[in-house]
Amino acid sequence: MFKTRLLSGILLVIIALITIISGGSVLFETVLLISLIGMSELYKVLNVHNKLLGCVGYLGAVAYYGFLWIGRTDAFMPLTIGFLVALMAVYVFSYPAYRVEQIVLTFFGLFYVAVMLSYVYQTRMLEQGAFLVWLVILCSWGCDTCAYCVGMLIGKHKMAPKLSPKKSVEGGIGGVAGAALLGAIYAIAINHFAKGVDANVLHYALICGAGAIISQVGDLAASAIKRNHDIKDYGKLIPGHGGILDRFDSVIFTAPVIYYLAVMLMG
């Protein structure tokens, strides 16, 4: 199991390196694909993934990414309203095929998965985005690793005993501190190796620390949804890790935070 998980993790890192470094259409199309798969995993929870309702959700995601690609951010609110109207039309004209919980999940899925993940691409497209986008990975996966190590060593107080008994307050603090330290080290490395780039060490540390806090909320949120519906993993796409949502649960929450903090602190 460990070997499978390790090999899958290495493959994920390679894919991340290729797509993020490439940026542009390569990253855009990859994030869109991951979003659609993640939405499908979420929609399976209430069995709408292969039904008309799910199709409306996927079309909504494609439309959102289409407007994002052409830079029409002003169309996002009309799209949101149109998406809700479309879902309600399916609900009423196919009644009683769907329950209101399925409508809510379909609406929620577009924003929870597709919109939130799109900020990986949006961060990459910022000025100095080629460097800033890696903070998303440092915040989420770095925080997970540091939190696990600190929790194993000195963890005593449960963070969310009913939801995730193995997570500790000490581990959570260690994850935030570790992510902030990684952010600072990353900024120092950028300043040393990248010519013409001035990475503010304090800003990078603050962004990573704040992102780490939110990443833990994302991790617990994904766990809460699974527990509410008695499922262990969202999928089996990534051997040893589960599905897209199992591996990217913290990235989903971290990406928008990194984007807006970067814009606010460095804009």
Protein backbone atom coordinates (compact mmCIF):
# COMPACT_ATOMS: atom_id res chain seq x y z
CA MET A 1 0.00 0.00 0.00
CA PHE A 2 2.82 2.39 0.93
CA LYS A 3 4.67 1.63 -2.33
CA THR A 4 1.51 2.24 -4.37
CA ARG A 5 0.84 5.50 -2.55
CA LEU A 6 4.44 6.62 -3.00
CA LEU A 7 4.50 5.86 -6.74
CA SER A 8 1.17 7.63 -7.23
CA GLY A 9 2.49 10.61 -5.29
CA ILE A 10 5.60 10.80 -7.47
CA LEU A 11 3.45 10.67 -10.61
CA LEU A 12 1.25 13.47 -9.26
CA VAL A 13 4.31 15.62 -8.60
CA ILE A 14 5.59 15.02 -12.15
CA ILE A 15 2.21 15.96 -13.65
CA ALA A 16 2.06 19.07 -11.44
CA LEU A 17 5.55 20.09 -12.54
CA ILE A 18 4.77 19.68 -16.24
CA THR A 19 1.40 21.44 -16.21
CA ILE A 20 2.23 24.27 -13.81
CA ILE A 21 5.55 25.08 -15.45
CA SER A 22 3.89 25.01 -18.89
CA GLY A 23 1.03 27.25 -17.74
CA GLY A 24 -1.29 28.67 -20.38
CA SER A 25 -3.61 26.29 -22.19
CA VAL A 26 -1.88 23.19 -20.80
CA LEU A 27 -2.60 24.16 -17.20
CA PHE A 28 -6.03 25.54 -18.10
CA GLU A 29 -7.16 22.31 -19.75
CA THR A 30 -5.68 20.19 -16.96
CA VAL A 31 -7.47 22.15 -14.24
CA LEU A 32 -10.73 21.96 -16.22
CA LEU A 33 -10.37 18.19 -16.56
CA ILE A 34 -9.57 17.77 -12.87
CA SER A 35 -12.57 19.95 -12.01
CA LEU A 36 -14.95 17.84 -14.09
CA ILE A 37 -13.64 14.61 -12.56
CA GLY A 38 -13.89 16.10 -9.07
CA MET A 39 -17.45 17.23 -9.72
CA SER A 40 -18.32 13.74 -10.94
CA GLU A 41 -16.95 12.25 -7.71
CA LEU A 42 -19.00 14.68 -5.64
CA TYR A 43 -22.13 14.10 -7.71
CA LYS A 44 -21.83 10.35 -7.15
CA VAL A 45 -22.53 11.01 -3.46
CA LEU A 46 -26.20 11.69 -4.29
CA ASN A 47 -26.30 9.74 -7.56
CA VAL A 48 -26.59 12.60 -10.04
CA HIS A 49 -23.23 12.09 -11.79
CA ASN A 50 -24.67 10.33 -14.85
CA LYS A 51 -28.07 11.97 -15.00
CA LEU A 52 -29.45 15.11 -16.62
CA LEU A 53 -28.90 17.11 -13.45
CA GLY A 54 -25.22 16.19 -13.42
CA CYS A 55 -24.88 17.08 -17.10
CA VAL A 56 -26.19 20.57 -16.34
CA GLY A 57 -23.51 20.83 -13.65
CA TYR A 58 -20.75 19.82 -16.05
CA LEU A 59 -22.00 22.25 -18.70
CA GLY A 60 -22.03 25.00 -16.07
CA ALA A 61 -18.38 24.26 -15.27
CA VAL A 62 -17.39 24.30 -18.95
CA ALA A 63 -19.23 27.60 -19.43
CA TYR A 64 -17.47 29.10 -16.40
CA TYR A 65 -14.06 28.07 -17.70
CA GLY A 66 -14.96 29.35 -21.15
CA PHE A 67 -15.68 32.83 -19.78
CA LEU A 68 -12.52 32.62 -17.66
CA TRP A 69 -10.43 31.77 -20.72
CA ILE A 70 -11.65 34.80 -22.68
CA GLY A 71 -11.36 37.08 -19.65
CA ARG A 72 -15.08 37.79 -19.26
CA THR A 73 -15.18 37.81 -15.46
CA ASP A 74 -18.13 40.21 -15.66
CA ALA A 75 -20.22 37.27 -16.91
CA PHE A 76 -19.78 35.18 -13.74
CA MET A 77 -22.83 36.53 -11.90
CA PRO A 78 -25.20 36.16 -14.89
CA LEU A 79 -23.75 32.65 -15.32
CA THR A 80 -24.49 31.84 -11.67
CA ILE A 81 -28.09 33.01 -12.02
CA GLY A 82 -28.52 31.16 -15.31
CA PHE A 83 -27.05 28.00 -13.77
CA LEU A 84 -29.49 28.12 -10.87
CA VAL A 85 -32.43 28.72 -13.21
CA ALA A 86 -31.35 25.76 -15.37
CA LEU A 87 -31.12 23.48 -12.33
CA MET A 88 -34.55 24.54 -11.11
CA ALA A 89 -35.98 23.99 -14.58
CA VAL A 90 -34.70 20.42 -14.54
CA TYR A 91 -36.09 20.03 -11.02
CA VAL A 92 -39.61 21.18 -11.80
CA PHE A 93 -40.04 19.74 -15.31
CA SER A 94 -38.78 16.30 -14.31
CA TYR A 95 -40.51 16.27 -10.91
CA PRO A 96 -40.38 14.05 -8.87
CA ALA A 97 -37.21 12.59 -10.40
CA TYR A 98 -34.91 14.62 -8.15
CA ARG A 99 -34.88 15.66 -4.52
CA VAL A 100 -34.02 19.17 -3.41
CA GLU A 101 -30.82 17.83 -1.78
CA GLN A 102 -29.61 16.75 -5.23
CA ILE A 103 -30.30 20.21 -6.65
CA VAL A 104 -28.36 21.84 -3.81
CA LEU A 105 -25.41 19.46 -4.23
CA THR A 106 -25.25 20.08 -7.98
CA PHE A 107 -25.25 23.85 -7.46
CA PHE A 108 -22.70 23.57 -4.64
CA GLY A 109 -20.44 21.28 -6.68
CA LEU A 110 -19.80 23.86 -9.39
CA PHE A 111 -18.39 26.34 -6.88
CA TYR A 112 -16.80 23.94 -4.43
CA VAL A 113 -14.82 22.13 -7.12
CA ALA A 114 -14.67 23.96 -10.46
CA VAL A 115 -14.61 27.59 -9.34
CA MET A 116 -12.30 27.04 -6.37
CA LEU A 117 -9.82 24.92 -8.37
CA SER A 118 -9.77 27.47 -11.19
CA TYR A 119 -7.71 29.71 -8.91
CA VAL A 120 -4.73 27.45 -9.50
CA TYR A 121 -4.80 28.64 -13.11
CA GLN A 122 -5.68 32.22 -12.13
CA THR A 123 -2.76 32.38 -9.69
CA ARG A 124 -0.41 31.06 -12.38
CA MET A 125 -1.52 33.89 -14.69
CA LEU A 126 -0.65 36.64 -12.19
CA GLU A 127 2.51 38.69 -12.53
CA GLN A 128 5.20 36.43 -11.04
CA GLY A 129 2.53 33.73 -11.08
CA ALA A 130 5.13 31.19 -12.21
CA PHE A 131 6.53 31.46 -8.67
CA LEU A 132 3.39 32.30 -6.68
CA VAL A 133 1.40 29.28 -7.89
CA TRP A 134 3.77 26.89 -6.08
CA LEU A 135 2.63 28.42 -2.79
CA VAL A 136 -0.63 26.52 -3.31
CA ILE A 137 1.28 23.24 -3.18
CA LEU A 138 3.48 24.35 -0.28
CA CYS A 139 0.42 25.41 1.73
CA SER A 140 -1.62 22.30 1.19
CA TRP A 141 0.74 19.35 0.84
CA GLY A 142 3.47 20.99 2.96
CA CYS A 143 1.01 21.68 5.75
CA ASP A 144 -0.28 18.09 5.62
CA THR A 145 3.23 16.69 5.99
CA CYS A 146 4.31 19.04 8.78
CA ALA A 147 1.02 18.58 10.66
CA TYR A 148 1.37 14.80 10.45
CA CYS A 149 4.96 14.82 11.74
CA VAL A 150 4.30 17.22 14.61
CA GLY A 151 1.08 15.44 15.52
CA MET A 152 2.84 12.09 15.67
CA LEU A 153 5.58 13.53 17.92
CA ILE A 154 3.72 15.74 20.39
CA GLY A 155 0.02 15.68 19.45
CA LYS A 156 -2.24 15.39 22.52
CA HIS A 157 -5.28 17.63 22.08
CA LYS A 158 -7.81 16.55 19.46
CA MET A 159 -8.71 19.16 16.86
CA ALA A 160 -11.98 17.59 15.69
CA PRO A 161 -12.42 14.38 17.73
CA LYS A 162 -15.68 13.24 16.14
CA LEU A 163 -14.71 14.09 12.59
CA SER A 164 -11.00 13.24 12.45
CA PRO A 165 -9.72 11.68 15.71
CA LYS A 166 -6.11 11.47 14.53
CA LYS A 167 -5.74 15.22 13.92
CA SER A 168 -4.41 17.22 16.85
CA VAL A 169 -4.25 20.91 17.73
CA GLU A 170 -0.48 20.61 18.06
CA GLY A 171 -0.30 19.04 14.61
CA GLY A 172 -2.42 21.83 13.17
CA ILE A 173 -0.17 24.50 14.66
CA GLY A 174 2.87 22.62 13.43
CA GLY A 175 1.37 22.47 9.96
CA VAL A 176 0.82 26.23 9.87
CA ALA A 177 4.30 26.99 11.25
CA GLY A 178 5.89 24.49 8.88
CA ALA A 179 4.07 25.91 5.86
CA ALA A 180 5.09 29.47 6.82
CA LEU A 181 8.70 28.33 7.15
CA LEU A 182 8.54 26.60 3.77
CA GLY A 183 7.16 29.80 2.26
CA ALA A 184 10.03 31.84 3.69
CA ILE A 185 12.65 29.32 2.49
CA TYR A 186 10.99 29.26 -0.93
CA ALA A 187 11.18 33.07 -1.17
CA ILE A 188 14.86 33.03 -0.20
CA ALA A 189 15.52 30.38 -2.85
CA ILE A 190 13.71 32.45 -5.50
CA ASN A 191 15.75 35.54 -4.65
CA HIS A 192 18.95 33.52 -4.83
CA PHE A 193 18.36 31.55 -8.02
CA ALA A 194 15.88 33.61 -10.09
CA LYS A 195 17.31 36.75 -11.65
CA GLY A 196 15.15 39.86 -11.67
CA VAL A 197 12.61 38.48 -9.19
CA ASP A 198 12.17 40.09 -5.78
CA ALA A 199 10.21 37.69 -3.55
CA ASN A 200 9.25 39.26 -0.22
CA VAL A 201 10.14 36.66 2.42
CA LEU A 202 7.63 37.97 4.97
CA HIS A 203 4.81 38.07 2.41
CA TYR A 204 5.50 34.53 1.24
CA ALA A 205 5.60 33.28 4.84
CA LEU A 206 2.32 35.06 5.69
CA ILE A 207 0.60 33.74 2.57
CA CYS A 208 1.73 30.18 3.27
CA GLY A 209 0.76 30.39 6.95
CA ALA A 210 -2.72 31.74 6.16
CA GLY A 211 -3.15 29.24 3.35
CA ALA A 212 -2.18 26.40 5.70
CA ILE A 213 -4.95 27.37 8.13
CA ILE A 214 -7.52 27.30 5.35
CA SER A 215 -6.12 24.08 3.89
CA GLN A 216 -6.92 22.27 7.14
CA VAL A 217 -10.50 23.54 6.93
CA GLY A 218 -10.67 22.16 3.39
CA ASP A 219 -9.33 18.79 4.50
CA LEU A 220 -11.85 18.53 7.33
CA ALA A 221 -14.70 19.76 5.12
CA ALA A 222 -14.09 16.96 2.61
CA SER A 223 -13.98 14.46 5.48
CA ALA A 224 -17.25 15.79 6.87
CA ILE A 225 -19.04 15.29 3.55
CA LYS A 226 -17.73 11.71 3.33
CA ARG A 227 -18.79 10.91 6.88
CA ASN A 228 -22.25 12.36 6.33
CA HIS A 229 -22.71 9.90 3.48
CA ASP A 230 -20.76 6.94 4.89
CA ILE A 231 -18.10 6.75 2.19
CA LYS A 232 -14.38 6.13 2.71
CA ASP A 233 -13.03 7.72 -0.48
CA TYR A 234 -14.52 9.84 -3.23
CA GLY A 235 -13.03 7.61 -5.92
CA LYS A 236 -10.24 5.23 -6.94
CA LEU A 237 -8.62 7.24 -9.71
CA ILE A 238 -5.34 7.75 -7.82
CA PRO A 239 -4.09 4.43 -6.38
CA GLY A 240 -3.31 4.71 -2.69
CA HIS A 241 -4.86 8.17 -2.45
CA GLY A 242 -8.47 7.75 -3.56
CA GLY A 243 -10.12 10.19 -5.90
CA ILE A 244 -9.40 13.73 -7.06
CA LEU A 245 -11.27 15.21 -4.11
CA ASP A 246 -9.37 13.01 -1.66
CA ARG A 247 -6.03 14.35 -2.92
CA PHE A 248 -7.03 17.93 -3.75
CA ASP A 249 -9.39 18.64 -0.84
CA SER A 250 -6.99 21.14 0.75
CA VAL A 251 -5.87 22.60 -2.61
CA ILE A 252 -9.51 23.47 -3.35
CA PHE A 253 -9.60 25.82 -0.36
CA THR A 254 -6.02 27.02 -0.54
CA ALA A 255 -5.90 28.18 -4.17
CA PRO A 256 -8.37 31.10 -3.83
CA VAL A 257 -6.70 32.23 -0.59
CA ILE A 258 -3.27 32.28 -2.23
CA TYR A 259 -4.65 34.21 -5.20
CA TYR A 260 -6.35 36.96 -3.22
CA LEU A 261 -3.56 37.31 -0.65
CA ALA A 262 -1.03 37.56 -3.46
CA VAL A 263 -3.11 40.25 -5.19
CA MET A 264 -3.59 42.15 -1.93
CA LEU A 265 0.01 41.97 -0.69
CA MET A 266 1.85 42.20 -4.00
CA GLY A 267 -0.58 44.02 -6.26
